[in-house]
Amino acid sequence: MSSAIRTVPLLLSLLLLACPTDEPGEFPFGGLVGPYDADRAWPSYMLYSGVENGGAYLIDMDANVVHQWTADHEARVWGYAELRDDGRVVTVTSGSGVLGAHVLDVGWDSQVVQILDQPAHHDVHRLDGGNTVILGREYVSNHDLFDDVLKSDYFAEVTPDDEVLWVWHTDEHALKLRDFVDVEFPASDEDWAHANTVEILPATPAGDTDPRFREGNLLFSFCNLNTIGVIDLDTMALVWA
């Protein structure tokens, strides 16, 4: 998985710095963080993940390590990592197998709080109630799209006990995309969509005026189709792309 850099708002960062931590260390990938214009850049910290030895770094504007998360786990790479308000990190890891590895929930002290045994990749979204919406990968047979087995994606909500509550298989809704955008499906067994992102929409002015973008709907992106879309999770219908 590619490296991911996420900006952490200043207020959250200050709250985190109130927790016990070591003295700032040197970011081992400092060359990836270039100079910045202090008069224009928002003063904040960044969460960096994707390193080969597994882990995530909270770094300041000068690439000093403020805090680091690691875990005694078989995962080789921490891809996307999301910092929670309580200092825990939820991360998608890669390990053995072509479908990915696990979703790890790691505490501020780097202790593993939870492991979801799901073939997730690229992105997850932790819900307030503790469940997790994952972006997963699977191999399907869908002759409307391709004559042979096809690499595809799905979205699912998973409980802390690894129970899957619902699954939205992207291939089953592929043709519906054509009601919204002009897309062509590749005639190969490569990723037909290659989803990159899953987010649950918050309350916004757009959602107040248009139910397609209401709070609780799911936003996704399909890299290989240059397409973004929204799923209504009440009806499981694709409502916009």
C-alpha atoms as a PDB file:
ATOM      1  CA  MET A   1       0.000   0.000   0.000  1.00  0.00           C
ATOM      2  CA  SER A   2       1.116   3.491  -0.669  1.00  0.00           C
ATOM      3  CA  SER A   3       2.050   5.937   2.063  1.00  0.00           C
ATOM      4  CA  ALA A   4      -0.724   8.001   3.545  1.00  0.00           C
ATOM      5  CA  ILE A   5      -0.333  11.426   5.086  1.00  0.00           C
ATOM      6  CA  ARG A   6      -3.218  12.768   7.120  1.00  0.00           C
ATOM      7  CA  THR A   7      -3.415  16.191   8.715  1.00  0.00           C
ATOM      8  CA  VAL A   8      -4.509  16.241  12.350  1.00  0.00           C
ATOM      9  CA  PRO A   9      -6.285  19.412  13.525  1.00  0.00           C
ATOM     10  CA  LEU A  10      -4.351  21.517  15.978  1.00  0.00           C
ATOM     11  CA  LEU A  11      -6.877  21.120  18.800  1.00  0.00           C
ATOM     12  CA  LEU A  12      -6.802  17.328  18.603  1.00  0.00           C
ATOM     13  CA  SER A  13      -3.023  17.380  18.465  1.00  0.00           C
ATOM     14  CA  LEU A  14      -2.777  19.510  21.594  1.00  0.00           C
ATOM     15  CA  LEU A  15      -5.096  17.123  23.415  1.00  0.00           C
ATOM     16  CA  LEU A  16      -2.948  14.187  22.389  1.00  0.00           C
ATOM     17  CA  LEU A  17       0.218  15.909  23.516  1.00  0.00           C
ATOM     18  CA  ALA A  18      -1.243  16.057  27.013  1.00  0.00           C
ATOM     19  CA  CYS A  19      -0.801  12.261  27.129  1.00  0.00           C
ATOM     20  CA  PRO A  20       2.520  10.797  28.304  1.00  0.00           C
ATOM     21  CA  THR A  21       5.033  10.513  25.480  1.00  0.00           C
ATOM     22  CA  ASP A  22       8.725  10.346  24.863  1.00  0.00           C
ATOM     23  CA  GLU A  23      10.788  13.321  23.807  1.00  0.00           C
ATOM     24  CA  PRO A  24      10.354  14.137  20.104  1.00  0.00           C
ATOM     25  CA  GLY A  25      12.550  11.938  17.935  1.00  0.00           C
ATOM     26  CA  GLU A  26      13.734  12.152  14.374  1.00  0.00           C
ATOM     27  CA  PHE A  27      11.330  11.028  11.666  1.00  0.00           C
ATOM     28  CA  PRO A  28      13.159   8.285   9.720  1.00  0.00           C
ATOM     29  CA  PHE A  29      11.544   9.447   6.478  1.00  0.00           C
ATOM     30  CA  GLY A  30      12.195  13.155   6.965  1.00  0.00           C
ATOM     31  CA  GLY A  31      13.165  13.600   3.335  1.00  0.00           C
ATOM     32  CA  LEU A  32       9.511  13.034   2.442  1.00  0.00           C
ATOM     33  CA  VAL A  33       8.490  16.196   4.312  1.00  0.00           C
ATOM     34  CA  GLY A  34       9.658  19.307   2.525  1.00  0.00           C
ATOM     35  CA  PRO A  35       9.920  22.931   3.668  1.00  0.00           C
ATOM     36  CA  TYR A  36       6.749  24.870   4.360  1.00  0.00           C
ATOM     37  CA  ASP A  37       5.631  28.500   4.445  1.00  0.00           C
ATOM     38  CA  ALA A  38       4.930  29.186   8.127  1.00  0.00           C
ATOM     39  CA  ASP A  39       2.799  32.216   7.256  1.00  0.00           C
ATOM     40  CA  ARG A  40       0.463  30.155   5.067  1.00  0.00           C
ATOM     41  CA  ALA A  41       0.577  26.632   6.473  1.00  0.00           C
ATOM     42  CA  TRP A  42      -1.869  25.611   9.186  1.00  0.00           C
ATOM     43  CA  PRO A  43       0.097  24.755  12.363  1.00  0.00           C
ATOM     44  CA  SER A  44      -0.695  21.103  12.950  1.00  0.00           C
ATOM     45  CA  TYR A  45       0.654  17.604  13.218  1.00  0.00           C
ATOM     46  CA  MET A  46       0.538  14.897  10.583  1.00  0.00           C
ATOM     47  CA  LEU A  47      -0.174  11.199  10.909  1.00  0.00           C
ATOM     48  CA  TYR A  48       2.096   9.165   8.661  1.00  0.00           C
ATOM     49  CA  SER A  49       1.764   5.449   7.933  1.00  0.00           C
ATOM     50  CA  GLY A  50       2.702   2.977   5.237  1.00  0.00           C
ATOM     51  CA  VAL A  51       6.197   2.105   6.416  1.00  0.00           C
ATOM     52  CA  GLU A  52       7.505  -1.351   5.653  1.00  0.00           C
ATOM     53  CA  ASN A  53       8.147  -2.365   9.258  1.00  0.00           C
ATOM     54  CA  GLY A  54       4.605  -1.575  10.388  1.00  0.00           C
ATOM     55  CA  GLY A  55       3.632   1.439  12.432  1.00  0.00           C
ATOM     56  CA  ALA A  56       2.387   5.002  12.359  1.00  0.00           C
ATOM     57  CA  TYR A  57       4.058   8.290  13.271  1.00  0.00           C
ATOM     58  CA  LEU A  58       2.635  11.551  14.554  1.00  0.00           C
ATOM     59  CA  ILE A  59       5.056  14.194  13.307  1.00  0.00           C
ATOM     60  CA  ASP A  60       5.279  17.955  13.692  1.00  0.00           C
ATOM     61  CA  MET A  61       5.828  20.546  10.975  1.00  0.00           C
ATOM     62  CA  ASP A  62       9.576  19.942  11.047  1.00  0.00           C
ATOM     63  CA  ALA A  63       9.210  16.150  10.757  1.00  0.00           C
ATOM     64  CA  ASN A  64      10.046  15.478  14.391  1.00  0.00           C
ATOM     65  CA  VAL A  65       8.340  12.406  15.840  1.00  0.00           C
ATOM     66  CA  VAL A  66       5.904  13.424  18.579  1.00  0.00           C
ATOM     67  CA  HIS A  67       4.506   9.932  19.064  1.00  0.00           C
ATOM     68  CA  GLN A  68       4.831   6.536  17.412  1.00  0.00           C
ATOM     69  CA  TRP A  69       2.514   3.524  17.334  1.00  0.00           C
ATOM     70  CA  THR A  70       3.823   0.007  16.742  1.00  0.00           C
ATOM     71  CA  ALA A  71       2.360  -3.387  17.521  1.00  0.00           C
ATOM     72  CA  ASP A  72       3.677  -6.899  18.005  1.00  0.00           C
ATOM     73  CA  HIS A  73       1.754  -8.307  15.080  1.00  0.00           C
ATOM     74  CA  GLU A  74       2.501 -10.192  11.878  1.00  0.00           C
ATOM     75  CA  ALA A  75       1.469  -7.260   9.691  1.00  0.00           C
ATOM     76  CA  ARG A  76       4.291  -6.102   7.448  1.00  0.00           C
ATOM     77  CA  VAL A  77       2.831  -2.761   6.406  1.00  0.00           C
ATOM     78  CA  TRP A  78       0.405  -0.374   8.040  1.00  0.00           C
ATOM     79  CA  GLY A  79      -1.339   1.279   5.144  1.00  0.00           C
ATOM     80  CA  TYR A  80      -4.089   3.784   5.782  1.00  0.00           C
ATOM     81  CA  ALA A  81      -4.237   4.747   9.468  1.00  0.00           C
ATOM     82  CA  GLU A  82      -6.940   6.827  11.165  1.00  0.00           C
ATOM     83  CA  LEU A  83      -6.319   8.635  14.457  1.00  0.00           C
ATOM     84  CA  ARG A  84      -9.189   8.535  16.928  1.00  0.00           C
ATOM     85  CA  ASP A  85     -10.036  11.218  19.506  1.00  0.00           C
ATOM     86  CA  ASP A  86      -8.855   8.945  22.335  1.00  0.00           C
ATOM     87  CA  GLY A  87      -5.389   8.507  20.830  1.00  0.00           C
ATOM     88  CA  ARG A  88      -6.063   5.081  19.368  1.00  0.00           C
ATOM     89  CA  VAL A  89      -5.145   4.314  15.770  1.00  0.00           C
ATOM     90  CA  VAL A  90      -7.278   2.173  13.470  1.00  0.00           C
ATOM     91  CA  THR A  91      -5.206   0.868  10.587  1.00  0.00           C
ATOM     92  CA  VAL A  92      -5.482  -1.388   7.557  1.00  0.00           C
ATOM     93  CA  THR A  93      -2.539  -3.772   7.476  1.00  0.00           C
ATOM     94  CA  SER A  94      -1.063  -6.047   4.861  1.00  0.00           C
ATOM     95  CA  GLY A  95       0.402  -9.413   5.668  1.00  0.00           C
ATOM     96  CA  SER A  96       0.255 -12.830   4.092  1.00  0.00           C
ATOM     97  CA  GLY A  97      -2.269 -13.622   1.382  1.00  0.00           C
ATOM     98  CA  VAL A  98      -3.418 -11.770  -1.715  1.00  0.00           C
ATOM     99  CA  LEU A  99      -6.590 -10.397  -0.133  1.00  0.00           C
ATOM    100  CA  GLY A 100      -4.879  -8.384   2.584  1.00  0.00           C
ATOM    101  CA  ALA A 101      -4.629  -9.020   6.284  1.00  0.00           C
ATOM    102  CA  HIS A 102      -6.385  -7.316   9.162  1.00  0.00           C
ATOM    103  CA  VAL A 103      -7.884  -4.160  10.594  1.00  0.00           C
ATOM    104  CA  LEU A 104      -5.986  -3.295  13.773  1.00  0.00           C
ATOM    105  CA  ASP A 105      -7.149  -1.018  16.585  1.00  0.00           C
ATOM    106  CA  VAL A 106      -4.022   0.028  18.486  1.00  0.00           C
ATOM    107  CA  GLY A 107      -3.982   2.006  21.729  1.00  0.00           C
ATOM    108  CA  TRP A 108      -1.830   5.033  22.557  1.00  0.00           C
ATOM    109  CA  ASP A 109       0.602   2.650  24.264  1.00  0.00           C
ATOM    110  CA  SER A 110       0.787   0.491  21.088  1.00  0.00           C
ATOM    111  CA  GLN A 111      -1.165  -2.352  22.676  1.00  0.00           C
ATOM    112  CA  VAL A 112      -3.513  -4.088  20.225  1.00  0.00           C
ATOM    113  CA  VAL A 113      -7.063  -3.398  21.394  1.00  0.00           C
ATOM    114  CA  GLN A 114      -8.890  -5.196  18.599  1.00  0.00           C
ATOM    115  CA  ILE A 115      -8.202  -7.257  15.475  1.00  0.00           C
ATOM    116  CA  LEU A 116     -10.789  -7.624  12.732  1.00  0.00           C
ATOM    117  CA  ASP A 117      -9.995 -10.606  10.545  1.00  0.00           C
ATOM    118  CA  GLN A 118     -11.234  -9.029   7.320  1.00  0.00           C
ATOM    119  CA  PRO A 119      -9.639  -8.803   3.841  1.00  0.00           C
ATOM    120  CA  ALA A 120      -9.653  -5.015   3.974  1.00  0.00           C
ATOM    121  CA  HIS A 121      -7.575  -2.730   1.796  1.00  0.00           C
ATOM    122  CA  HIS A 122      -6.943   0.998   1.454  1.00  0.00           C
ATOM    123  CA  ASP A 123      -9.554   2.389   3.835  1.00  0.00           C
ATOM    124  CA  VAL A 124     -11.885   1.845   6.807  1.00  0.00           C
ATOM    125  CA  HIS A 125     -14.358   4.035   8.657  1.00  0.00           C
ATOM    126  CA  ARG A 126     -14.928   3.529  12.392  1.00  0.00           C
ATOM    127  CA  LEU A 127     -18.512   4.283  13.447  1.00  0.00           C
ATOM    128  CA  ASP A 128     -19.355   5.982  16.728  1.00  0.00           C
ATOM    129  CA  GLY A 129     -21.026   2.845  18.076  1.00  0.00           C
ATOM    130  CA  GLY A 130     -17.854   0.790  17.657  1.00  0.00           C
ATOM    131  CA  ASN A 131     -18.635  -0.994  14.391  1.00  0.00           C
ATOM    132  CA  THR A 132     -16.324  -0.572  11.413  1.00  0.00           C
ATOM    133  CA  VAL A 133     -17.189  -0.059   7.749  1.00  0.00           C
ATOM    134  CA  ILE A 134     -14.486  -1.707   5.697  1.00  0.00           C
ATOM    135  CA  LEU A 135     -13.462  -1.662   2.074  1.00  0.00           C
ATOM    136  CA  GLY A 136     -12.772  -5.279   1.170  1.00  0.00           C
ATOM    137  CA  ARG A 137     -11.545  -7.222  -1.850  1.00  0.00           C
ATOM    138  CA  GLU A 138     -12.966 -10.367  -3.399  1.00  0.00           C
ATOM    139  CA  TYR A 139     -12.972 -12.435  -6.582  1.00  0.00           C
ATOM    140  CA  VAL A 140     -16.344 -12.831  -8.278  1.00  0.00           C
ATOM    141  CA  SER A 141     -18.001 -14.305 -11.341  1.00  0.00           C
ATOM    142  CA  ASN A 142     -20.206 -11.740 -13.041  1.00  0.00           C
ATOM    143  CA  HIS A 143     -20.659 -12.418 -16.738  1.00  0.00           C
ATOM    144  CA  ASP A 144     -22.361  -9.064 -17.263  1.00  0.00           C
ATOM    145  CA  LEU A 145     -18.948  -7.513 -16.698  1.00  0.00           C
ATOM    146  CA  PHE A 146     -16.406 -10.185 -17.604  1.00  0.00           C
ATOM    147  CA  ASP A 147     -16.419 -13.777 -18.868  1.00  0.00           C
ATOM    148  CA  ASP A 148     -13.999 -15.084 -16.253  1.00  0.00           C
ATOM    149  CA  VAL A 149     -13.259 -14.523 -12.585  1.00  0.00           C
ATOM    150  CA  LEU A 150     -12.993 -10.825 -11.804  1.00  0.00           C
ATOM    151  CA  LYS A 151     -11.118  -8.999  -9.053  1.00  0.00           C
ATOM    152  CA  SER A 152     -13.646  -6.762  -7.330  1.00  0.00           C
ATOM    153  CA  ASP A 153     -14.397  -4.794  -4.145  1.00  0.00           C
ATOM    154  CA  TYR A 154     -17.114  -4.675  -1.538  1.00  0.00           C
ATOM    155  CA  PHE A 155     -18.171  -2.537   1.419  1.00  0.00           C
ATOM    156  CA  ALA A 156     -19.281  -4.116   4.694  1.00  0.00           C
ATOM    157  CA  GLU A 157     -20.151  -3.171   8.254  1.00  0.00           C
ATOM    158  CA  VAL A 158     -18.419  -5.354  10.847  1.00  0.00           C
ATOM    159  CA  THR A 159     -18.986  -5.553  14.596  1.00  0.00           C
ATOM    160  CA  PRO A 160     -16.115  -5.714  17.128  1.00  0.00           C
ATOM    161  CA  ASP A 161     -16.751  -9.482  17.233  1.00  0.00           C
ATOM    162  CA  ASP A 162     -16.118  -9.809  13.466  1.00  0.00           C
ATOM    163  CA  GLU A 163     -19.800 -10.284  12.675  1.00  0.00           C
ATOM    164  CA  VAL A 164     -20.666  -8.928   9.230  1.00  0.00           C
ATOM    165  CA  LEU A 165     -23.971  -7.010   9.358  1.00  0.00           C
ATOM    166  CA  TRP A 166     -24.299  -6.158   5.677  1.00  0.00           C
ATOM    167  CA  VAL A 167     -22.272  -6.353   2.470  1.00  0.00           C
ATOM    168  CA  TRP A 168     -22.522  -4.198  -0.676  1.00  0.00           C
ATOM    169  CA  HIS A 169     -20.835  -5.995  -3.585  1.00  0.00           C
ATOM    170  CA  THR A 170     -19.629  -3.416  -6.100  1.00  0.00           C
ATOM    171  CA  ASP A 171     -19.940  -5.709  -9.129  1.00  0.00           C
ATOM    172  CA  GLU A 172     -23.674  -6.177  -8.478  1.00  0.00           C
ATOM    173  CA  HIS A 173     -24.207  -2.425  -8.872  1.00  0.00           C
ATOM    174  CA  ALA A 174     -21.701  -1.753 -11.656  1.00  0.00           C
ATOM    175  CA  LEU A 175     -24.236  -1.384 -14.458  1.00  0.00           C
ATOM    176  CA  LYS A 176     -26.236   1.087 -12.356  1.00  0.00           C
ATOM    177  CA  LEU A 177     -23.260   3.455 -12.580  1.00  0.00           C
ATOM    178  CA  ARG A 178     -24.202   4.076 -16.209  1.00  0.00           C
ATOM    179  CA  ASP A 179     -27.361   5.843 -15.053  1.00  0.00           C
ATOM    180  CA  PHE A 180     -25.122   8.573 -13.636  1.00  0.00           C
ATOM    181  CA  VAL A 181     -21.797   8.623 -15.493  1.00  0.00           C
ATOM    182  CA  ASP A 182     -20.381   7.415 -18.784  1.00  0.00           C
ATOM    183  CA  VAL A 183     -18.152   4.521 -17.743  1.00  0.00           C
ATOM    184  CA  GLU A 184     -16.557   1.654 -19.636  1.00  0.00           C
ATOM    185  CA  PHE A 185     -15.639  -1.573 -17.911  1.00  0.00           C
ATOM    186  CA  PRO A 186     -12.256  -3.096 -18.790  1.00  0.00           C
ATOM    187  CA  ALA A 187     -12.372  -6.495 -20.490  1.00  0.00           C
ATOM    188  CA  SER A 188      -9.717  -8.015 -18.265  1.00  0.00           C
ATOM    189  CA  ASP A 189      -9.340  -9.688 -14.894  1.00  0.00           C
ATOM    190  CA  GLU A 190      -7.636  -6.640 -13.368  1.00  0.00           C
ATOM    191  CA  ASP A 191      -9.427  -4.444 -10.842  1.00  0.00           C
ATOM    192  CA  TRP A 192     -12.488  -3.279 -12.747  1.00  0.00           C
ATOM    193  CA  ALA A 193     -13.093  -0.457 -10.256  1.00  0.00           C
ATOM    194  CA  HIS A 194     -10.276  -0.506  -7.654  1.00  0.00           C
ATOM    195  CA  ALA A 195     -12.076   1.274  -4.828  1.00  0.00           C
ATOM    196  CA  ASN A 196      -9.804   3.545  -2.788  1.00  0.00           C
ATOM    197  CA  THR A 197     -12.064   5.254  -0.254  1.00  0.00           C
ATOM    198  CA  VAL A 198     -15.004   4.585   2.035  1.00  0.00           C
ATOM    199  CA  GLU A 199     -16.440   7.387   4.189  1.00  0.00           C
ATOM    200  CA  ILE A 200     -19.721   7.763   6.033  1.00  0.00           C
ATOM    201  CA  LEU A 201     -21.092  11.230   5.349  1.00  0.00           C
ATOM    202  CA  PRO A 202     -21.464  13.603   8.307  1.00  0.00           C
ATOM    203  CA  ALA A 203     -24.214  16.172   8.700  1.00  0.00           C
ATOM    204  CA  THR A 204     -23.627  18.928   6.122  1.00  0.00           C
ATOM    205  CA  PRO A 205     -25.614  21.731   4.461  1.00  0.00           C
ATOM    206  CA  ALA A 206     -25.660  19.605   1.288  1.00  0.00           C
ATOM    207  CA  GLY A 207     -27.328  16.770   3.159  1.00  0.00           C
ATOM    208  CA  ASP A 208     -29.884  19.143   4.660  1.00  0.00           C
ATOM    209  CA  THR A 209     -31.104  20.095   1.189  1.00  0.00           C
ATOM    210  CA  ASP A 210     -30.507  16.878  -0.786  1.00  0.00           C
ATOM    211  CA  PRO A 211     -31.273  13.458   0.767  1.00  0.00           C
ATOM    212  CA  ARG A 212     -28.709  11.775  -1.463  1.00  0.00           C
ATOM    213  CA  PHE A 213     -25.988  13.398   0.630  1.00  0.00           C
ATOM    214  CA  ARG A 214     -27.652  13.011   4.003  1.00  0.00           C
ATOM    215  CA  GLU A 215     -25.788  12.052   7.146  1.00  0.00           C
ATOM    216  CA  GLY A 216     -25.112   8.304   7.259  1.00  0.00           C
ATOM    217  CA  ASN A 217     -24.866   7.649   3.534  1.00  0.00           C
ATOM    218  CA  LEU A 218     -21.682   6.076   2.201  1.00  0.00           C
ATOM    219  CA  LEU A 219     -19.242   7.893  -0.071  1.00  0.00           C
ATOM    220  CA  PHE A 220     -16.803   5.863  -2.186  1.00  0.00           C
ATOM    221  CA  SER A 221     -14.266   6.348  -4.959  1.00  0.00           C
ATOM    222  CA  PHE A 222     -13.433   4.033  -7.881  1.00  0.00           C
ATOM    223  CA  CYS A 223      -9.892   4.830  -8.990  1.00  0.00           C
ATOM    224  CA  ASN A 224      -9.876   2.869 -12.249  1.00  0.00           C
ATOM    225  CA  LEU A 225     -13.158   4.428 -13.380  1.00  0.00           C
ATOM    226  CA  ASN A 226     -12.344   7.987 -12.262  1.00  0.00           C
ATOM    227  CA  THR A 227     -15.678   7.927 -10.429  1.00  0.00           C
ATOM    228  CA  ILE A 228     -17.018   8.821  -6.996  1.00  0.00           C
ATOM    229  CA  GLY A 229     -20.438   7.822  -5.764  1.00  0.00           C
ATOM    230  CA  VAL A 230     -22.894   7.694  -2.865  1.00  0.00           C
ATOM    231  CA  ILE A 231     -24.835   4.718  -1.486  1.00  0.00           C
ATOM    232  CA  ASP A 232     -28.026   5.173   0.548  1.00  0.00           C
ATOM    233  CA  LEU A 233     -27.462   2.689   3.363  1.00  0.00           C
ATOM    234  CA  ASP A 234     -31.181   2.568   4.243  1.00  0.00           C
ATOM    235  CA  THR A 235     -32.104   1.218   0.805  1.00  0.00           C
ATOM    236  CA  MET A 236     -28.654  -0.042  -0.270  1.00  0.00           C
ATOM    237  CA  ALA A 237     -29.206   1.801  -3.558  1.00  0.00           C
ATOM    238  CA  LEU A 238     -26.617   3.723  -5.537  1.00  0.00           C
ATOM    239  CA  VAL A 239     -28.111   7.222  -5.547  1.00  0.00           C
ATOM    240  CA  TRP A 240     -25.401   9.426  -7.067  1.00  0.00           C
ATOM    241  CA  ALA A 241     -22.159   9.181  -9.011  1.00  0.00           C
END
